[in-house]
Amino acid sequence: MIVNGKKMELGNKKVVSDLIKELNLNSDRLVVEIDKEIITKEDFENRELKESNIIEVISFVGGG
């Protein structure tokens, strides 16, 4: 699969939440797009990943 423009092996990553854990990201501040479809946080545990997926993960950072 392609994640943020880089090839990544699917390995043990079965669903979106597995990918988020692998990337060490906080799911509270993320937008995930798979094959041009926005995935809601409610679906992170259920949305299965495929080797053919093109995924964009956007993390929001607060500041002051």
C-alpha atoms as a PDB file:
ATOM      1  CA  MET A   1       0.000   0.000   0.000  1.00  0.00           C
ATOM      2  CA  ILE A   2       1.046   3.612  -0.393  1.00  0.00           C
ATOM      3  CA  VAL A   3       0.924   5.808   2.731  1.00  0.00           C
ATOM      4  CA  ASN A   4       1.557   9.535   2.288  1.00  0.00           C
ATOM      5  CA  GLY A   5       3.344   8.863  -0.986  1.00  0.00           C
ATOM      6  CA  LYS A   6       5.611   6.082   0.339  1.00  0.00           C
ATOM      7  CA  LYS A   7       5.349   2.333  -0.229  1.00  0.00           C
ATOM      8  CA  MET A   8       4.531   0.472   2.978  1.00  0.00           C
ATOM      9  CA  GLU A   9       4.066  -3.243   3.524  1.00  0.00           C
ATOM     10  CA  LEU A  10       0.670  -4.250   4.868  1.00  0.00           C
ATOM     11  CA  GLY A  11       2.164  -6.814   7.276  1.00  0.00           C
ATOM     12  CA  ASN A  12       0.060  -7.153  10.431  1.00  0.00           C
ATOM     13  CA  LYS A  13      -1.861  -3.947   9.749  1.00  0.00           C
ATOM     14  CA  LYS A  14      -5.410  -5.184   9.192  1.00  0.00           C
ATOM     15  CA  VAL A  15      -7.484  -2.039   9.867  1.00  0.00           C
ATOM     16  CA  VAL A  16      -6.922   1.737   9.938  1.00  0.00           C
ATOM     17  CA  SER A  17      -6.362   1.785  13.715  1.00  0.00           C
ATOM     18  CA  ASP A  18      -3.444  -0.672  13.269  1.00  0.00           C
ATOM     19  CA  LEU A  19      -1.832   1.710  10.784  1.00  0.00           C
ATOM     20  CA  ILE A  20      -2.298   4.679  13.130  1.00  0.00           C
ATOM     21  CA  LYS A  21      -0.595   2.743  15.945  1.00  0.00           C
ATOM     22  CA  GLU A  22       2.263   1.744  13.623  1.00  0.00           C
ATOM     23  CA  LEU A  23       2.796   5.408  12.698  1.00  0.00           C
ATOM     24  CA  ASN A  24       2.685   6.446  16.399  1.00  0.00           C
ATOM     25  CA  LEU A  25      -0.049   9.010  15.770  1.00  0.00           C
ATOM     26  CA  ASN A  26      -2.864  10.291  17.977  1.00  0.00           C
ATOM     27  CA  SER A  27      -6.163   9.334  16.342  1.00  0.00           C
ATOM     28  CA  ASP A  28      -7.892  12.339  17.954  1.00  0.00           C
ATOM     29  CA  ARG A  29      -6.117  14.733  15.588  1.00  0.00           C
ATOM     30  CA  LEU A  30      -6.187  12.853  12.307  1.00  0.00           C
ATOM     31  CA  VAL A  31      -7.911  12.732   8.984  1.00  0.00           C
ATOM     32  CA  VAL A  32      -7.457   9.503   7.045  1.00  0.00           C
ATOM     33  CA  GLU A  33      -8.262   9.191   3.353  1.00  0.00           C
ATOM     34  CA  ILE A  34      -8.233   5.827   1.586  1.00  0.00           C
ATOM     35  CA  ASP A  35      -8.520   5.806  -2.195  1.00  0.00           C
ATOM     36  CA  LYS A  36      -9.966   9.352  -2.130  1.00  0.00           C
ATOM     37  CA  GLU A  37     -12.587   8.486   0.526  1.00  0.00           C
ATOM     38  CA  ILE A  38     -12.484  10.144   3.970  1.00  0.00           C
ATOM     39  CA  ILE A  39     -12.653   7.553   6.746  1.00  0.00           C
ATOM     40  CA  THR A  40     -14.470   8.611   9.916  1.00  0.00           C
ATOM     41  CA  LYS A  41     -12.902   7.957  13.327  1.00  0.00           C
ATOM     42  CA  GLU A  42     -15.786   5.626  14.091  1.00  0.00           C
ATOM     43  CA  ASP A  43     -14.620   3.407  11.211  1.00  0.00           C
ATOM     44  CA  PHE A  44     -10.904   3.251  12.171  1.00  0.00           C
ATOM     45  CA  GLU A  45     -11.430  -0.087  13.973  1.00  0.00           C
ATOM     46  CA  ASN A  46     -13.535  -1.594  11.160  1.00  0.00           C
ATOM     47  CA  ARG A  47     -12.120  -0.322   7.863  1.00  0.00           C
ATOM     48  CA  GLU A  48      -9.914  -3.063   6.460  1.00  0.00           C
ATOM     49  CA  LEU A  49      -6.712  -2.225   4.636  1.00  0.00           C
ATOM     50  CA  LYS A  50      -5.659  -3.724   1.305  1.00  0.00           C
ATOM     51  CA  GLU A  51      -2.267  -3.915  -0.350  1.00  0.00           C
ATOM     52  CA  SER A  52      -3.666  -1.834  -3.252  1.00  0.00           C
ATOM     53  CA  ASN A  53      -4.813   1.098  -1.037  1.00  0.00           C
ATOM     54  CA  ILE A  54      -3.505   4.618  -1.496  1.00  0.00           C
ATOM     55  CA  ILE A  55      -3.722   6.251   1.919  1.00  0.00           C
ATOM     56  CA  GLU A  56      -3.204   9.820   3.071  1.00  0.00           C
ATOM     57  CA  VAL A  57      -2.906  10.492   6.798  1.00  0.00           C
ATOM     58  CA  ILE A  58      -3.064  14.134   7.842  1.00  0.00           C
ATOM     59  CA  SER A  59      -2.214  15.045  11.425  1.00  0.00           C
ATOM     60  CA  PHE A  60      -3.294  18.367  12.915  1.00  0.00           C
ATOM     61  CA  VAL A  61      -0.900  20.132  15.268  1.00  0.00           C
ATOM     62  CA  GLY A  62      -2.003  22.850  17.671  1.00  0.00           C
ATOM     63  CA  GLY A  63       0.167  25.751  18.612  1.00  0.00           C
ATOM     64  CA  GLY A  64       0.128  29.204  19.931  1.00  0.00           C
END
